All heavy atoms as atom14 arrays in JSON, in Angstrom:
{
  "sequence": "DDVRKAGDAVAAVIAAGIIPAGLEMMDKPM",
  "atom14_mask": [
    [1, 1, 1, 1, 1, 1, 1, 1, 0, 0, 0, 0, 0, 0],
    [1, 1, 1, 1, 1, 1, 1, 1, 0, 0, 0, 0, 0, 0],
    [1, 1, 1, 1, 1, 1, 1, 0, 0, 0, 0, 0, 0, 0],
    [1, 1, 1, 1, 1, 1, 1, 1, 1, 1, 1, 0, 0, 0],
    [1, 1, 1, 1, 1, 1, 1, 1, 1, 0, 0, 0, 0, 0],
    [1, 1, 1, 1, 1, 0, 0, 0, 0, 0, 0, 0, 0, 0],
    [1, 1, 1, 1, 0, 0, 0, 0, 0, 0, 0, 0, 0, 0],
    [1, 1, 1, 1, 1, 1, 1, 1, 0, 0, 0, 0, 0, 0],
    [1, 1, 1, 1, 1, 0, 0, 0, 0, 0, 0, 0, 0, 0],
    [1, 1, 1, 1, 1, 1, 1, 0, 0, 0, 0, 0, 0, 0],
    [1, 1, 1, 1, 1, 0, 0, 0, 0, 0, 0, 0, 0, 0],
    [1, 1, 1, 1, 1, 0, 0, 0, 0, 0, 0, 0, 0, 0],
    [1, 1, 1, 1, 1, 1, 1, 0, 0, 0, 0, 0, 0, 0],
    [1, 1, 1, 1, 1, 1, 1, 1, 0, 0, 0, 0, 0, 0],
    [1, 1, 1, 1, 1, 0, 0, 0, 0, 0, 0, 0, 0, 0],
    [1, 1, 1, 1, 1, 0, 0, 0, 0, 0, 0, 0, 0, 0],
    [1, 1, 1, 1, 0, 0, 0, 0, 0, 0, 0, 0, 0, 0],
    [1, 1, 1, 1, 1, 1, 1, 1, 0, 0, 0, 0, 0, 0],
    [1, 1, 1, 1, 1, 1, 1, 1, 0, 0, 0, 0, 0, 0],
    [1, 1, 1, 1, 1, 1, 1, 0, 0, 0, 0, 0, 0, 0],
    [1, 1, 1, 1, 1, 0, 0, 0, 0, 0, 0, 0, 0, 0],
    [1, 1, 1, 1, 0, 0, 0, 0, 0, 0, 0, 0, 0, 0],
    [1, 1, 1, 1, 1, 1, 1, 1, 0, 0, 0, 0, 0, 0],
    [1, 1, 1, 1, 1, 1, 1, 1, 1, 0, 0, 0, 0, 0],
    [1, 1, 1, 1, 1, 1, 1, 1, 0, 0, 0, 0, 0, 0],
    [1, 1, 1, 1, 1, 1, 1, 1, 0, 0, 0, 0, 0, 0],
    [1, 1, 1, 1, 1, 1, 1, 1, 0, 0, 0, 0, 0, 0],
    [1, 1, 1, 1, 1, 1, 1, 1, 1, 0, 0, 0, 0, 0],
    [1, 1, 1, 1, 1, 1, 1, 0, 0, 0, 0, 0, 0, 0],
    [1, 1, 1, 1, 1, 1, 1, 1, 0, 0, 0, 0, 0, 0]
  ],
  "atom14_positions": [
    [[9.56, -3.26, -0.7], [8.95, -2.2, -1.5], [9.33, -2.28, -2.97], [9.0, -1.41, -3.77], [9.31, -0.83, -0.93], [10.82, -0.58, -0.88], [11.59, -1.41, -1.44], [11.24, 0.43, -0.29], [0.0, 0.0, 0.0], [0.0, 0.0, 0.0], [0.0, 0.0, 0.0], [0.0, 0.0, 0.0], [0.0, 0.0, 0.0], [0.0, 0.0, 0.0]],
    [[10.03, -3.36, -3.32], [10.49, -3.53, -4.7], [10.62, -5.03, -4.98], [11.19, -5.76, -4.17], [11.84, -2.83, -4.89], [12.38, -2.97, -6.3], [11.94, -2.21, -7.18], [13.23, -3.86, -6.52], [0.0, 0.0, 0.0], [0.0, 0.0, 0.0], [0.0, 0.0, 0.0], [0.0, 0.0, 0.0], [0.0, 0.0, 0.0], [0.0, 0.0, 0.0]],
    [[10.1, -5.49, -6.12], [10.14, -6.92, -6.41], [11.57, -7.42, -6.63], [11.89, -8.57, -6.33], [9.26, -7.26, -7.63], [7.8, -7.04, -7.34], [9.71, -6.52, -8.88], [0.0, 0.0, 0.0], [0.0, 0.0, 0.0], [0.0, 0.0, 0.0], [0.0, 0.0, 0.0], [0.0, 0.0, 0.0], [0.0, 0.0, 0.0], [0.0, 0.0, 0.0]],
    [[12.44, -6.56, -7.13], [13.82, -7.01, -7.33], [14.51, -7.26, -5.99], [15.26, -8.22, -5.85], [14.61, -5.99, -8.16], [16.02, -6.48, -8.49], [16.67, -5.65, -9.57], [16.02, -5.76, -10.86], [16.17, -6.8, -11.67], [16.95, -7.82, -11.33], [15.55, -6.82, -12.83], [0.0, 0.0, 0.0], [0.0, 0.0, 0.0], [0.0, 0.0, 0.0]],
    [[14.23, -6.43, -5.01], [14.8, -6.66, -3.68], [14.3, -7.99, -3.12], [15.07, -8.75, -2.51], [14.43, -5.52, -2.73], [15.08, -4.19, -3.06], [14.61, -3.12, -2.09], [15.17, -1.74, -2.43], [14.64, -0.69, -1.5], [0.0, 0.0, 0.0], [0.0, 0.0, 0.0], [0.0, 0.0, 0.0], [0.0, 0.0, 0.0], [0.0, 0.0, 0.0]],
    [[13.02, -8.27, -3.31], [12.46, -9.52, -2.81], [13.09, -10.71, -3.52], [13.45, -11.72, -2.88], [10.95, -9.54, -2.99], [0.0, 0.0, 0.0], [0.0, 0.0, 0.0], [0.0, 0.0, 0.0], [0.0, 0.0, 0.0], [0.0, 0.0, 0.0], [0.0, 0.0, 0.0], [0.0, 0.0, 0.0], [0.0, 0.0, 0.0], [0.0, 0.0, 0.0]],
    [[13.23, -10.62, -4.85], [13.85, -11.71, -5.6], [15.3, -11.92, -5.2], [15.75, -13.06, -5.04], [0.0, 0.0, 0.0], [0.0, 0.0, 0.0], [0.0, 0.0, 0.0], [0.0, 0.0, 0.0], [0.0, 0.0, 0.0], [0.0, 0.0, 0.0], [0.0, 0.0, 0.0], [0.0, 0.0, 0.0], [0.0, 0.0, 0.0], [0.0, 0.0, 0.0]],
    [[16.03, -10.83, -5.02], [17.43, -10.95, -4.6], [17.52, -11.55, -3.2], [18.48, -12.27, -2.88], [18.09, -9.57, -4.63], [18.28, -9.03, -6.04], [18.18, -9.82, -7.0], [18.53, -7.82, -6.18], [0.0, 0.0, 0.0], [0.0, 0.0, 0.0], [0.0, 0.0, 0.0], [0.0, 0.0, 0.0], [0.0, 0.0, 0.0], [0.0, 0.0, 0.0]],
    [[16.53, -11.26, -2.35], [16.55, -11.8, -0.99], [16.41, -13.32, -0.99], [17.02, -14.01, -0.16], [15.42, -11.18, -0.16], [0.0, 0.0, 0.0], [0.0, 0.0, 0.0], [0.0, 0.0, 0.0], [0.0, 0.0, 0.0], [0.0, 0.0, 0.0], [0.0, 0.0, 0.0], [0.0, 0.0, 0.0], [0.0, 0.0, 0.0], [0.0, 0.0, 0.0]],
    [[15.62, -13.84, -1.91], [15.48, -15.29, -2.02], [16.83, -15.93, -2.32], [17.25, -16.89, -1.65], [14.46, -15.66, -3.12], [14.47, -17.16, -3.38], [13.07, -15.2, -2.72], [0.0, 0.0, 0.0], [0.0, 0.0, 0.0], [0.0, 0.0, 0.0], [0.0, 0.0, 0.0], [0.0, 0.0, 0.0], [0.0, 0.0, 0.0], [0.0, 0.0, 0.0]],
    [[17.51, -15.4, -3.32], [18.83, -15.94, -3.67], [19.82, -15.77, -2.53], [20.66, -16.65, -2.28], [19.34, -15.25, -4.94], [0.0, 0.0, 0.0], [0.0, 0.0, 0.0], [0.0, 0.0, 0.0], [0.0, 0.0, 0.0], [0.0, 0.0, 0.0], [0.0, 0.0, 0.0], [0.0, 0.0, 0.0], [0.0, 0.0, 0.0], [0.0, 0.0, 0.0]],
    [[19.72, -14.67, -1.81], [20.65, -14.4, -0.71], [20.45, -15.38, 0.44], [21.43, -15.8, 1.08], [20.47, -12.96, -0.22], [0.0, 0.0, 0.0], [0.0, 0.0, 0.0], [0.0, 0.0, 0.0], [0.0, 0.0, 0.0], [0.0, 0.0, 0.0], [0.0, 0.0, 0.0], [0.0, 0.0, 0.0], [0.0, 0.0, 0.0], [0.0, 0.0, 0.0]],
    [[19.22, -15.75, 0.74], [18.96, -16.72, 1.82], [19.62, -18.05, 1.48], [20.31, -18.65, 2.33], [17.44, -16.9, 2.03], [17.16, -18.11, 2.91], [16.82, -15.65, 2.65], [0.0, 0.0, 0.0], [0.0, 0.0, 0.0], [0.0, 0.0, 0.0], [0.0, 0.0, 0.0], [0.0, 0.0, 0.0], [0.0, 0.0, 0.0], [0.0, 0.0, 0.0]],
    [[19.44, -18.53, 0.27], [20.04, -19.81, -0.13], [21.56, -19.69, -0.18], [22.29, -20.59, 0.26], [19.5, -20.25, -1.5], [17.97, -20.35, -1.48], [20.11, -21.59, -1.9], [17.41, -21.31, -0.46], [0.0, 0.0, 0.0], [0.0, 0.0, 0.0], [0.0, 0.0, 0.0], [0.0, 0.0, 0.0], [0.0, 0.0, 0.0], [0.0, 0.0, 0.0]],
    [[22.06, -18.55, -0.67], [23.51, -18.36, -0.75], [24.15, -18.33, 0.63], [25.34, -18.65, 0.77], [23.81, -17.05, -1.5], [0.0, 0.0, 0.0], [0.0, 0.0, 0.0], [0.0, 0.0, 0.0], [0.0, 0.0, 0.0], [0.0, 0.0, 0.0], [0.0, 0.0, 0.0], [0.0, 0.0, 0.0], [0.0, 0.0, 0.0], [0.0, 0.0, 0.0]],
    [[23.38, -17.97, 1.65], [23.9, -17.94, 3.02], [23.99, -19.33, 3.64], [24.37, -19.48, 4.8], [23.02, -17.05, 3.89], [0.0, 0.0, 0.0], [0.0, 0.0, 0.0], [0.0, 0.0, 0.0], [0.0, 0.0, 0.0], [0.0, 0.0, 0.0], [0.0, 0.0, 0.0], [0.0, 0.0, 0.0], [0.0, 0.0, 0.0], [0.0, 0.0, 0.0]],
    [[23.62, -20.35, 2.85], [23.7, -21.73, 3.35], [22.48, -22.14, 4.15], [22.53, -23.14, 4.88], [0.0, 0.0, 0.0], [0.0, 0.0, 0.0], [0.0, 0.0, 0.0], [0.0, 0.0, 0.0], [0.0, 0.0, 0.0], [0.0, 0.0, 0.0], [0.0, 0.0, 0.0], [0.0, 0.0, 0.0], [0.0, 0.0, 0.0], [0.0, 0.0, 0.0]],
    [[21.39, -21.41, 4.03], [20.16, -21.71, 4.77], [19.17, -22.4, 3.83], [18.93, -21.93, 2.72], [19.52, -20.41, 5.32], [20.52, -19.64, 6.18], [18.25, -20.73, 6.11], [20.04, -18.24, 6.53], [0.0, 0.0, 0.0], [0.0, 0.0, 0.0], [0.0, 0.0, 0.0], [0.0, 0.0, 0.0], [0.0, 0.0, 0.0], [0.0, 0.0, 0.0]],
    [[18.63, -23.53, 4.27], [17.58, -24.21, 3.52], [16.31, -24.15, 4.35], [16.08, -24.99, 5.23], [17.95, -25.68, 3.21], [19.28, -25.76, 2.48], [16.83, -26.33, 2.38], [19.3, -25.1, 1.12], [0.0, 0.0, 0.0], [0.0, 0.0, 0.0], [0.0, 0.0, 0.0], [0.0, 0.0, 0.0], [0.0, 0.0, 0.0], [0.0, 0.0, 0.0]],
    [[15.48, -23.15, 4.12], [14.25, -23.02, 4.91], [13.3, -24.19, 4.65], [13.36, -24.83, 3.59], [13.64, -21.71, 4.42], [14.73, -21.01, 3.67], [15.6, -22.08, 3.13], [0.0, 0.0, 0.0], [0.0, 0.0, 0.0], [0.0, 0.0, 0.0], [0.0, 0.0, 0.0], [0.0, 0.0, 0.0], [0.0, 0.0, 0.0], [0.0, 0.0, 0.0]],
    [[12.41, -24.44, 5.59], [11.39, -25.46, 5.36], [10.45, -25.02, 4.25], [9.91, -25.83, 3.51], [10.6, -25.7, 6.65], [0.0, 0.0, 0.0], [0.0, 0.0, 0.0], [0.0, 0.0, 0.0], [0.0, 0.0, 0.0], [0.0, 0.0, 0.0], [0.0, 0.0, 0.0], [0.0, 0.0, 0.0], [0.0, 0.0, 0.0], [0.0, 0.0, 0.0]],
    [[10.26, -23.71, 4.11], [9.47, -23.16, 3.02], [9.93, -21.75, 2.72], [10.33, -21.02, 3.63], [0.0, 0.0, 0.0], [0.0, 0.0, 0.0], [0.0, 0.0, 0.0], [0.0, 0.0, 0.0], [0.0, 0.0, 0.0], [0.0, 0.0, 0.0], [0.0, 0.0, 0.0], [0.0, 0.0, 0.0], [0.0, 0.0, 0.0], [0.0, 0.0, 0.0]],
    [[9.91, -21.37, 1.45], [10.33, -20.02, 1.05], [9.46, -19.61, -0.13], [9.69, -20.03, -1.27], [11.81, -20.01, 0.68], [12.42, -18.67, 0.25], [12.1, -17.56, 1.24], [13.94, -18.81, 0.08], [0.0, 0.0, 0.0], [0.0, 0.0, 0.0], [0.0, 0.0, 0.0], [0.0, 0.0, 0.0], [0.0, 0.0, 0.0], [0.0, 0.0, 0.0]],
    [[8.42, -18.83, 0.16], [7.41, -18.48, -0.84], [7.38, -16.98, -1.06], [7.7, -16.2, -0.17], [6.03, -18.96, -0.39], [5.94, -20.45, -0.17], [5.88, -21.23, -1.47], [5.03, -20.92, -2.32], [6.7, -22.17, -1.64], [0.0, 0.0, 0.0], [0.0, 0.0, 0.0], [0.0, 0.0, 0.0], [0.0, 0.0, 0.0], [0.0, 0.0, 0.0]],
    [[6.94, -16.6, -2.25], [6.88, -15.18, -2.62], [5.53, -14.87, -3.25], [5.0, -15.68, -4.02], [8.01, -14.86, -3.6], [8.08, -13.41, -4.06], [9.59, -13.18, -5.08], [9.36, -11.51, -5.66], [0.0, 0.0, 0.0], [0.0, 0.0, 0.0], [0.0, 0.0, 0.0], [0.0, 0.0, 0.0], [0.0, 0.0, 0.0], [0.0, 0.0, 0.0]],
    [[4.95, -13.73, -2.92], [3.71, -13.26, -3.53], [3.86, -11.8, -3.91], [4.47, -11.03, -3.16], [2.54, -13.43, -2.57], [2.07, -14.87, -2.42], [0.69, -15.03, -1.27], [1.55, -14.93, 0.28], [0.0, 0.0, 0.0], [0.0, 0.0, 0.0], [0.0, 0.0, 0.0], [0.0, 0.0, 0.0], [0.0, 0.0, 0.0], [0.0, 0.0, 0.0]],
    [[3.31, -11.41, -5.05], [3.37, -10.01, -5.44], [2.15, -9.27, -4.89], [1.24, -9.86, -4.28], [3.52, -9.85, -6.95], [2.29, -10.28, -7.74], [1.29, -10.69, -7.13], [2.34, -10.21, -8.99], [0.0, 0.0, 0.0], [0.0, 0.0, 0.0], [0.0, 0.0, 0.0], [0.0, 0.0, 0.0], [0.0, 0.0, 0.0], [0.0, 0.0, 0.0]],
    [[2.12, -7.96, -5.1], [1.09, -7.11, -4.49], [-0.34, -7.49, -4.91], [-1.23, -7.56, -4.05], [1.38, -5.65, -4.84], [0.56, -4.64, -4.05], [1.07, -3.22, -4.29], [0.41, -2.21, -3.37], [0.99, -0.86, -3.55], [0.0, 0.0, 0.0], [0.0, 0.0, 0.0], [0.0, 0.0, 0.0], [0.0, 0.0, 0.0], [0.0, 0.0, 0.0]],
    [[-0.61, -7.75, -6.21], [-1.97, -8.15, -6.57], [-2.42, -9.43, -5.88], [-3.58, -9.55, -5.48], [-1.89, -8.33, -8.09], [-0.76, -7.45, -8.52], [0.24, -7.54, -7.41], [0.0, 0.0, 0.0], [0.0, 0.0, 0.0], [0.0, 0.0, 0.0], [0.0, 0.0, 0.0], [0.0, 0.0, 0.0], [0.0, 0.0, 0.0], [0.0, 0.0, 0.0]],
    [[-1.5, -10.38, -5.7], [-1.88, -11.62, -5.05], [-2.13, -11.42, -3.56], [-3.09, -11.97, -3.0], [-0.79, -12.69, -5.27], [-1.14, -14.04, -4.66], [-2.68, -14.74, -5.3], [-2.13, -15.4, -6.86], [0.0, 0.0, 0.0], [0.0, 0.0, 0.0], [0.0, 0.0, 0.0], [0.0, 0.0, 0.0], [0.0, 0.0, 0.0], [0.0, 0.0, 0.0]]
  ]
}
């Protein structure tokens, strides 16, 4: 419900030592 939370989640996934096969983000207009 907030773009900052989504952005922080991206960094948190990588910081947890996880390398996803794909990690994409889209905002509400898209």
